[in-house]
Amino acid sequence: MHDFLFPREILKKRKLKNTRQRRAILKLMSAENMPLSAKEIYYKIKDNNPHLKLSTIYRNLNVFEKNNIVRKLNINNVTESYFELIKENHHHHLICISCGHIQDIECPFDDYLDKLEKKNNYEVTDHRLTVYGICHQCKKDDK
């Protein structure tokens, strides 16, 4: 949904107040192009936003989630929530159980979901797949 929109455009489209903190969060999330925790966002943008509080990050992420700008990821065995921008290209996640690195993977279910909908007269509104494993770097470090 937000692949080519700038932070100001995203906020304007959703009729949300255009604040420096909100633009900074969205700009970072777009640049990083991977799920981030609120703490990661805070530490990456606090130098340019000296009065920023972690609670402000959480509050804005909640507003963004309610307005379908970000999606909260519930990842097994991870204590923090991660957030990612909602994009037009549907994808899933590959997560390293050692270091926690999250990587986007293509959705392998497009054809299957079409058949499932037709066969069951059902409209699928969402689906999520999370694959867990050990990344190349962790395997290398373990040896």
N, C-alpha and C. Protein backbone atom coordinates (compact mmCIF):
# COMPACT_ATOMS: atom_id res chain seq x y z
N MET A 1 0.80 -1.18 0.00
CA MET A 1 0.00 0.00 0.00
C MET A 1 0.86 1.26 0.00
N HIS A 2 2.03 1.22 0.65
CA HIS A 2 2.85 2.41 0.82
C HIS A 2 4.19 2.30 0.11
N ASP A 3 4.31 1.42 -0.87
CA ASP A 3 5.60 1.20 -1.50
C ASP A 3 6.22 2.47 -2.06
N PHE A 4 5.43 3.38 -2.64
CA PHE A 4 6.00 4.54 -3.29
C PHE A 4 5.52 5.85 -2.70
N LEU A 5 4.91 5.83 -1.52
CA LEU A 5 4.44 7.05 -0.89
C LEU A 5 5.47 7.57 0.10
N PHE A 6 5.58 8.88 0.17
CA PHE A 6 6.44 9.52 1.15
C PHE A 6 5.67 9.68 2.45
N PRO A 7 6.38 9.82 3.58
CA PRO A 7 5.68 9.93 4.87
C PRO A 7 4.57 10.98 4.90
N ARG A 8 4.82 12.15 4.33
CA ARG A 8 3.78 13.20 4.33
C ARG A 8 2.53 12.74 3.58
N GLU A 9 2.74 12.03 2.45
CA GLU A 9 1.60 11.55 1.66
C GLU A 9 0.82 10.48 2.41
N ILE A 10 1.54 9.61 3.10
CA ILE A 10 0.88 8.55 3.88
C ILE A 10 -0.01 9.18 4.95
N LEU A 11 0.53 10.15 5.67
CA LEU A 11 -0.22 10.80 6.74
C LEU A 11 -1.41 11.57 6.17
N LYS A 12 -1.21 12.27 5.09
CA LYS A 12 -2.29 13.05 4.46
C LYS A 12 -3.41 12.13 3.98
N LYS A 13 -3.02 11.03 3.35
CA LYS A 13 -4.01 10.07 2.83
C LYS A 13 -4.90 9.51 3.95
N ARG A 14 -4.32 9.32 5.12
CA ARG A 14 -5.07 8.77 6.27
C ARG A 14 -5.65 9.87 7.17
N LYS A 15 -5.46 11.13 6.76
CA LYS A 15 -5.97 12.28 7.52
C LYS A 15 -5.42 12.30 8.95
N LEU A 16 -4.13 12.01 9.07
CA LEU A 16 -3.46 12.02 10.37
C LEU A 16 -2.59 13.27 10.48
N LYS A 17 -2.43 13.74 11.69
CA LYS A 17 -1.59 14.91 11.93
C LYS A 17 -0.17 14.65 11.44
N ASN A 18 0.37 15.61 10.73
CA ASN A 18 1.70 15.49 10.14
C ASN A 18 2.73 16.04 11.12
N THR A 19 3.29 15.16 11.96
CA THR A 19 4.28 15.59 12.95
C THR A 19 5.67 15.12 12.54
N ARG A 20 6.66 15.79 13.09
CA ARG A 20 8.06 15.44 12.80
C ARG A 20 8.35 13.99 13.23
N GLN A 21 7.83 13.60 14.39
CA GLN A 21 8.06 12.24 14.89
C GLN A 21 7.43 11.19 13.97
N ARG A 22 6.21 11.44 13.53
CA ARG A 22 5.54 10.48 12.65
C ARG A 22 6.28 10.35 11.32
N ARG A 23 6.71 11.49 10.77
CA ARG A 23 7.47 11.44 9.52
C ARG A 23 8.78 10.68 9.72
N ALA A 24 9.44 10.90 10.84
CA ALA A 24 10.71 10.21 11.11
C ALA A 24 10.52 8.70 11.22
N ILE A 25 9.46 8.29 11.91
CA ILE A 25 9.18 6.86 12.06
C ILE A 25 8.92 6.23 10.69
N LEU A 26 8.05 6.85 9.91
CA LEU A 26 7.70 6.30 8.60
C LEU A 26 8.89 6.31 7.64
N LYS A 27 9.68 7.37 7.69
CA LYS A 27 10.87 7.45 6.83
C LYS A 27 11.85 6.32 7.17
N LEU A 28 12.07 6.09 8.46
CA LEU A 28 12.97 5.01 8.88
C LEU A 28 12.43 3.65 8.45
N MET A 29 11.16 3.41 8.71
CA MET A 29 10.58 2.12 8.37
C MET A 29 10.63 1.86 6.87
N SER A 30 10.44 2.88 6.09
CA SER A 30 10.53 2.74 4.64
C SER A 30 11.96 2.47 4.20
N ALA A 31 12.91 3.17 4.80
CA ALA A 31 14.32 3.01 4.44
C ALA A 31 14.87 1.65 4.87
N GLU A 32 14.49 1.21 6.06
CA GLU A 32 14.99 -0.08 6.58
C GLU A 32 14.37 -1.24 5.81
N ASN A 33 13.11 -1.08 5.40
CA ASN A 33 12.41 -2.10 4.61
C ASN A 33 12.43 -3.47 5.26
N MET A 34 12.31 -3.48 6.58
CA MET A 34 12.21 -4.73 7.33
C MET A 34 11.48 -4.44 8.63
N PRO A 35 10.90 -5.44 9.25
CA PRO A 35 10.20 -5.21 10.52
C PRO A 35 11.15 -4.69 11.59
N LEU A 36 10.66 -3.76 12.39
CA LEU A 36 11.44 -3.16 13.47
C LEU A 36 10.62 -3.13 14.75
N SER A 37 11.29 -3.23 15.87
CA SER A 37 10.62 -3.07 17.16
C SER A 37 10.55 -1.59 17.48
N ALA A 38 9.70 -1.21 18.41
CA ALA A 38 9.59 0.19 18.83
C ALA A 38 10.93 0.68 19.38
N LYS A 39 11.63 -0.18 20.11
CA LYS A 39 12.93 0.21 20.66
C LYS A 39 13.96 0.45 19.56
N GLU A 40 13.95 -0.39 18.54
CA GLU A 40 14.88 -0.19 17.43
C GLU A 40 14.59 1.14 16.73
N ILE A 41 13.33 1.43 16.52
CA ILE A 41 12.96 2.69 15.89
C ILE A 41 13.43 3.86 16.75
N TYR A 42 13.16 3.77 18.04
CA TYR A 42 13.55 4.82 18.98
C TYR A 42 15.05 5.10 18.92
N TYR A 43 15.86 4.06 19.03
CA TYR A 43 17.31 4.26 19.05
C TYR A 43 17.87 4.75 17.72
N LYS A 44 17.19 4.44 16.64
CA LYS A 44 17.68 4.88 15.33
C LYS A 44 17.31 6.31 14.99
N ILE A 45 16.25 6.85 15.61
CA ILE A 45 15.85 8.22 15.25
C ILE A 45 16.01 9.22 16.40
N LYS A 46 16.40 8.77 17.59
CA LYS A 46 16.43 9.68 18.74
C LYS A 46 17.51 10.76 18.61
N ASP A 47 18.61 10.49 17.92
CA ASP A 47 19.66 11.51 17.80
C ASP A 47 19.16 12.75 17.07
N ASN A 48 18.32 12.57 16.07
CA ASN A 48 17.77 13.70 15.32
C ASN A 48 16.48 14.24 15.94
N ASN A 49 16.01 13.58 16.99
CA ASN A 49 14.79 13.99 17.68
C ASN A 49 15.06 13.95 19.19
N PRO A 50 15.82 14.93 19.71
CA PRO A 50 16.31 14.87 21.10
C PRO A 50 15.23 14.80 22.17
N HIS A 51 14.02 15.29 21.91
CA HIS A 51 12.96 15.27 22.92
C HIS A 51 12.05 14.06 22.79
N LEU A 52 12.39 13.17 21.90
CA LEU A 52 11.57 11.99 21.63
C LEU A 52 11.59 11.02 22.81
N LYS A 53 10.43 10.46 23.10
CA LYS A 53 10.32 9.44 24.16
C LYS A 53 9.89 8.12 23.52
N LEU A 54 10.28 7.01 24.13
CA LEU A 54 9.89 5.69 23.64
C LEU A 54 8.37 5.56 23.62
N SER A 55 7.70 6.14 24.61
CA SER A 55 6.24 6.06 24.66
C SER A 55 5.60 6.72 23.43
N THR A 56 6.25 7.75 22.89
CA THR A 56 5.77 8.42 21.67
C THR A 56 5.82 7.46 20.49
N ILE A 57 6.88 6.67 20.43
CA ILE A 57 7.01 5.67 19.36
C ILE A 57 5.87 4.67 19.45
N TYR A 58 5.65 4.13 20.64
CA TYR A 58 4.57 3.15 20.84
C TYR A 58 3.21 3.75 20.47
N ARG A 59 2.96 4.96 20.93
CA ARG A 59 1.67 5.61 20.65
C ARG A 59 1.46 5.77 19.15
N ASN A 60 2.50 6.24 18.45
CA ASN A 60 2.37 6.44 17.00
C ASN A 60 2.24 5.12 16.26
N LEU A 61 2.96 4.10 16.67
CA LEU A 61 2.81 2.79 16.03
C LEU A 61 1.40 2.26 16.20
N ASN A 62 0.81 2.48 17.37
CA ASN A 62 -0.58 2.06 17.59
C ASN A 62 -1.54 2.82 16.67
N VAL A 63 -1.32 4.12 16.51
CA VAL A 63 -2.14 4.92 15.60
C VAL A 63 -1.96 4.42 14.17
N PHE A 64 -0.72 4.14 13.79
CA PHE A 64 -0.45 3.65 12.44
C PHE A 64 -1.11 2.29 12.21
N GLU A 65 -1.09 1.44 13.22
CA GLU A 65 -1.71 0.13 13.08
C GLU A 65 -3.23 0.27 12.91
N LYS A 66 -3.86 1.12 13.69
CA LYS A 66 -5.30 1.33 13.59
C LYS A 66 -5.70 1.91 12.24
N ASN A 67 -4.77 2.62 11.59
CA ASN A 67 -5.04 3.25 10.30
C ASN A 67 -4.47 2.48 9.12
N ASN A 68 -4.12 1.22 9.37
CA ASN A 68 -3.62 0.32 8.31
C ASN A 68 -2.40 0.86 7.57
N ILE A 69 -1.51 1.46 8.32
CA ILE A 69 -0.23 1.92 7.77
C ILE A 69 0.86 0.91 8.10
N VAL A 70 0.79 0.37 9.32
CA VAL A 70 1.74 -0.67 9.72
C VAL A 70 0.98 -1.90 10.19
N ARG A 71 1.69 -3.01 10.20
CA ARG A 71 1.15 -4.28 10.70
C ARG A 71 2.04 -4.72 11.85
N LYS A 72 1.39 -5.14 12.94
CA LYS A 72 2.14 -5.69 14.08
C LYS A 72 2.36 -7.16 13.82
N LEU A 73 3.60 -7.60 13.97
CA LEU A 73 3.92 -9.01 13.78
C LEU A 73 4.00 -9.69 15.13
N ASN A 74 3.29 -10.77 15.27
CA ASN A 74 3.37 -11.57 16.48
C ASN A 74 4.25 -12.77 16.17
N ILE A 75 5.44 -12.73 16.71
CA ILE A 75 6.44 -13.74 16.39
C ILE A 75 6.67 -14.61 17.62
N ASN A 76 6.60 -15.93 17.42
CA ASN A 76 6.81 -16.87 18.52
C ASN A 76 8.18 -16.68 19.15
N ASN A 77 8.24 -16.83 20.46
CA ASN A 77 9.48 -16.78 21.23
C ASN A 77 10.19 -15.43 21.17
N VAL A 78 9.49 -14.38 20.77
CA VAL A 78 10.07 -13.04 20.76
C VAL A 78 9.23 -12.19 21.69
N THR A 79 9.89 -11.55 22.66
CA THR A 79 9.16 -10.81 23.68
C THR A 79 8.64 -9.46 23.18
N GLU A 80 9.33 -8.85 22.23
CA GLU A 80 8.90 -7.56 21.70
C GLU A 80 8.05 -7.73 20.45
N SER A 81 7.17 -6.77 20.22
CA SER A 81 6.41 -6.75 18.97
C SER A 81 7.24 -6.07 17.91
N TYR A 82 7.09 -6.52 16.70
CA TYR A 82 7.75 -5.90 15.56
C TYR A 82 6.68 -5.32 14.66
N PHE A 83 7.04 -4.27 13.96
CA PHE A 83 6.11 -3.58 13.08
C PHE A 83 6.73 -3.43 11.71
N GLU A 84 5.88 -3.50 10.68
CA GLU A 84 6.34 -3.27 9.31
C GLU A 84 5.30 -2.46 8.58
N LEU A 85 5.77 -1.70 7.60
CA LEU A 85 4.83 -0.96 6.75
C LEU A 85 4.01 -1.96 5.96
N ILE A 86 2.73 -1.69 5.80
CA ILE A 86 1.89 -2.52 4.96
C ILE A 86 2.20 -2.16 3.52
N LYS A 87 2.52 -3.16 2.74
CA LYS A 87 2.91 -2.95 1.35
C LYS A 87 1.91 -3.63 0.43
N GLU A 88 1.95 -3.22 -0.83
CA GLU A 88 1.06 -3.86 -1.81
C GLU A 88 1.50 -5.28 -2.11
N ASN A 89 2.80 -5.51 -2.13
CA ASN A 89 3.26 -6.87 -2.44
C ASN A 89 3.17 -7.73 -1.18
N HIS A 90 2.19 -8.62 -1.20
CA HIS A 90 1.97 -9.51 -0.06
C HIS A 90 3.17 -10.43 0.10
N HIS A 91 3.58 -10.64 1.35
CA HIS A 91 4.75 -11.48 1.62
C HIS A 91 4.62 -12.13 2.99
N HIS A 92 5.55 -13.01 3.28
CA HIS A 92 5.60 -13.71 4.55
C HIS A 92 7.00 -13.52 5.13
N HIS A 93 7.31 -14.23 6.22
CA HIS A 93 8.58 -13.98 6.90
C HIS A 93 9.35 -15.26 7.20
N LEU A 94 10.66 -15.12 7.09
CA LEU A 94 11.62 -16.15 7.46
C LEU A 94 12.41 -15.56 8.63
N ILE A 95 12.38 -16.25 9.78
CA ILE A 95 12.97 -15.69 11.00
C ILE A 95 14.04 -16.62 11.55
N CYS A 96 15.20 -16.04 11.84
CA CYS A 96 16.29 -16.80 12.45
C CYS A 96 16.02 -16.95 13.94
N ILE A 97 16.01 -18.20 14.41
CA ILE A 97 15.74 -18.45 15.83
C ILE A 97 16.96 -18.16 16.71
N SER A 98 18.09 -17.89 16.08
CA SER A 98 19.30 -17.60 16.84
C SER A 98 19.48 -16.10 17.04
N CYS A 99 19.48 -15.33 15.97
CA CYS A 99 19.73 -13.88 16.07
C CYS A 99 18.47 -13.04 15.93
N GLY A 100 17.37 -13.64 15.48
CA GLY A 100 16.11 -12.90 15.35
C GLY A 100 15.94 -12.14 14.04
N HIS A 101 16.90 -12.27 13.12
CA HIS A 101 16.79 -11.57 11.85
C HIS A 101 15.52 -12.00 11.12
N ILE A 102 14.80 -11.01 10.57
CA ILE A 102 13.55 -11.26 9.88
C ILE A 102 13.74 -10.91 8.41
N GLN A 103 13.39 -11.84 7.55
CA GLN A 103 13.54 -11.63 6.11
C GLN A 103 12.20 -11.86 5.44
N ASP A 104 11.85 -11.00 4.49
CA ASP A 104 10.62 -11.18 3.72
C ASP A 104 10.81 -12.31 2.72
N ILE A 105 9.75 -13.11 2.53
CA ILE A 105 9.76 -14.14 1.50
C ILE A 105 8.47 -14.02 0.70
N GLU A 106 8.53 -14.39 -0.57
CA GLU A 106 7.35 -14.33 -1.43
C GLU A 106 6.26 -15.27 -0.94
N CYS A 107 5.04 -14.92 -1.26
CA CYS A 107 3.90 -15.75 -0.90
C CYS A 107 3.75 -16.89 -1.90
N PRO A 108 3.79 -18.13 -1.43
CA PRO A 108 3.64 -19.26 -2.35
C PRO A 108 2.19 -19.73 -2.53
N PHE A 109 1.23 -19.00 -1.95
CA PHE A 109 -0.13 -19.50 -1.88
C PHE A 109 -1.14 -18.89 -2.84
N ASP A 110 -0.74 -18.00 -3.72
CA ASP A 110 -1.71 -17.29 -4.55
C ASP A 110 -2.67 -18.21 -5.29
N ASP A 111 -2.15 -19.18 -6.02
CA ASP A 111 -3.00 -20.10 -6.77
C ASP A 111 -3.87 -20.95 -5.84
N TYR A 112 -3.27 -21.42 -4.76
CA TYR A 112 -3.99 -22.24 -3.80
C TYR A 112 -5.16 -21.48 -3.18
N LEU A 113 -4.96 -20.22 -2.83
CA LEU A 113 -6.03 -19.43 -2.21
C LEU A 113 -7.18 -19.19 -3.18
N ASP A 114 -6.86 -18.98 -4.46
CA ASP A 114 -7.91 -18.83 -5.47
C ASP A 114 -8.79 -20.09 -5.52
N LYS A 115 -8.15 -21.25 -5.54
CA LYS A 115 -8.88 -22.52 -5.57
C LYS A 115 -9.69 -22.72 -4.29
N LEU A 116 -9.08 -22.37 -3.16
CA LEU A 116 -9.74 -22.51 -1.86
C LEU A 116 -11.00 -21.65 -1.80
N GLU A 117 -10.92 -20.43 -2.28
CA GLU A 117 -12.08 -19.54 -2.28
C GLU A 117 -13.20 -20.09 -3.16
N LYS A 118 -12.85 -20.54 -4.36
CA LYS A 118 -13.86 -21.05 -5.29
C LYS A 118 -14.50 -22.33 -4.77
N LYS A 119 -13.68 -23.24 -4.29
CA LYS A 119 -14.17 -24.53 -3.82
C LYS A 119 -15.10 -24.39 -2.62
N ASN A 120 -14.79 -23.45 -1.72
CA ASN A 120 -15.54 -23.31 -0.48
C ASN A 120 -16.48 -22.11 -0.45
N ASN A 121 -16.59 -21.40 -1.59
CA ASN A 121 -17.41 -20.19 -1.65
C ASN A 121 -17.07 -19.29 -0.46
N TYR A 122 -15.81 -18.95 -0.37
CA TYR A 122 -15.27 -18.24 0.78
C TYR A 122 -14.36 -17.13 0.30
N GLU A 123 -14.37 -16.01 0.98
CA GLU A 123 -13.45 -14.93 0.65
C GLU A 123 -12.35 -14.87 1.69
N VAL A 124 -11.12 -15.17 1.29
CA VAL A 124 -9.98 -15.10 2.21
C VAL A 124 -9.57 -13.64 2.33
N THR A 125 -9.52 -13.13 3.55
CA THR A 125 -9.18 -11.73 3.76
C THR A 125 -7.74 -11.53 4.20
N ASP A 126 -7.13 -12.57 4.74
CA ASP A 126 -5.74 -12.45 5.17
C ASP A 126 -5.19 -13.84 5.46
N HIS A 127 -3.90 -13.96 5.36
CA HIS A 127 -3.20 -15.17 5.78
C HIS A 127 -1.75 -14.81 6.05
N ARG A 128 -1.13 -15.58 6.93
CA ARG A 128 0.25 -15.29 7.30
C ARG A 128 1.00 -16.61 7.49
N LEU A 129 2.23 -16.58 7.02
CA LEU A 129 3.11 -17.72 7.16
C LEU A 129 4.43 -17.23 7.74
N THR A 130 4.88 -17.88 8.77
CA THR A 130 6.17 -17.56 9.35
C THR A 130 6.99 -18.84 9.38
N VAL A 131 8.17 -18.78 8.79
CA VAL A 131 9.07 -19.92 8.75
C VAL A 131 10.25 -19.62 9.66
N TYR A 132 10.58 -20.54 10.53
CA TYR A 132 11.67 -20.36 11.47
C TYR A 132 12.84 -21.25 11.08
N GLY A 133 14.04 -20.76 11.31
CA GLY A 133 15.24 -21.52 11.01
C GLY A 133 16.47 -20.81 11.54
N ILE A 134 17.63 -21.20 11.04
CA ILE A 134 18.89 -20.57 11.44
C ILE A 134 19.53 -19.98 10.19
N CYS A 135 19.82 -18.68 10.26
CA CYS A 135 20.35 -17.97 9.09
C CYS A 135 21.80 -18.40 8.80
N HIS A 136 22.23 -18.04 7.62
CA HIS A 136 23.57 -18.38 7.14
C HIS A 136 24.65 -17.88 8.10
N GLN A 137 24.52 -16.63 8.56
CA GLN A 137 25.54 -16.05 9.45
C GLN A 137 25.61 -16.80 10.78
N CYS A 138 24.47 -17.13 11.36
CA CYS A 138 24.47 -17.86 12.63
C CYS A 138 25.02 -19.28 12.46
N LYS A 139 24.71 -19.92 11.34
CA LYS A 139 25.28 -21.24 11.08
C LYS A 139 26.80 -21.16 10.97
N LYS A 140 27.26 -20.11 10.31
CA LYS A 140 28.71 -19.90 10.11
C LYS A 140 29.37 -19.60 11.46
N ASP A 141 28.74 -18.75 12.28
CA ASP A 141 29.31 -18.39 13.58
C ASP A 141 29.32 -19.57 14.54
N ASP A 142 28.39 -20.51 14.36
CA ASP A 142 28.27 -21.66 15.25
C ASP A 142 29.38 -22.69 15.03
N LYS A 143 29.96 -22.66 13.84
CA LYS A 143 30.97 -23.68 13.51
C LYS A 143 32.31 -23.39 14.12
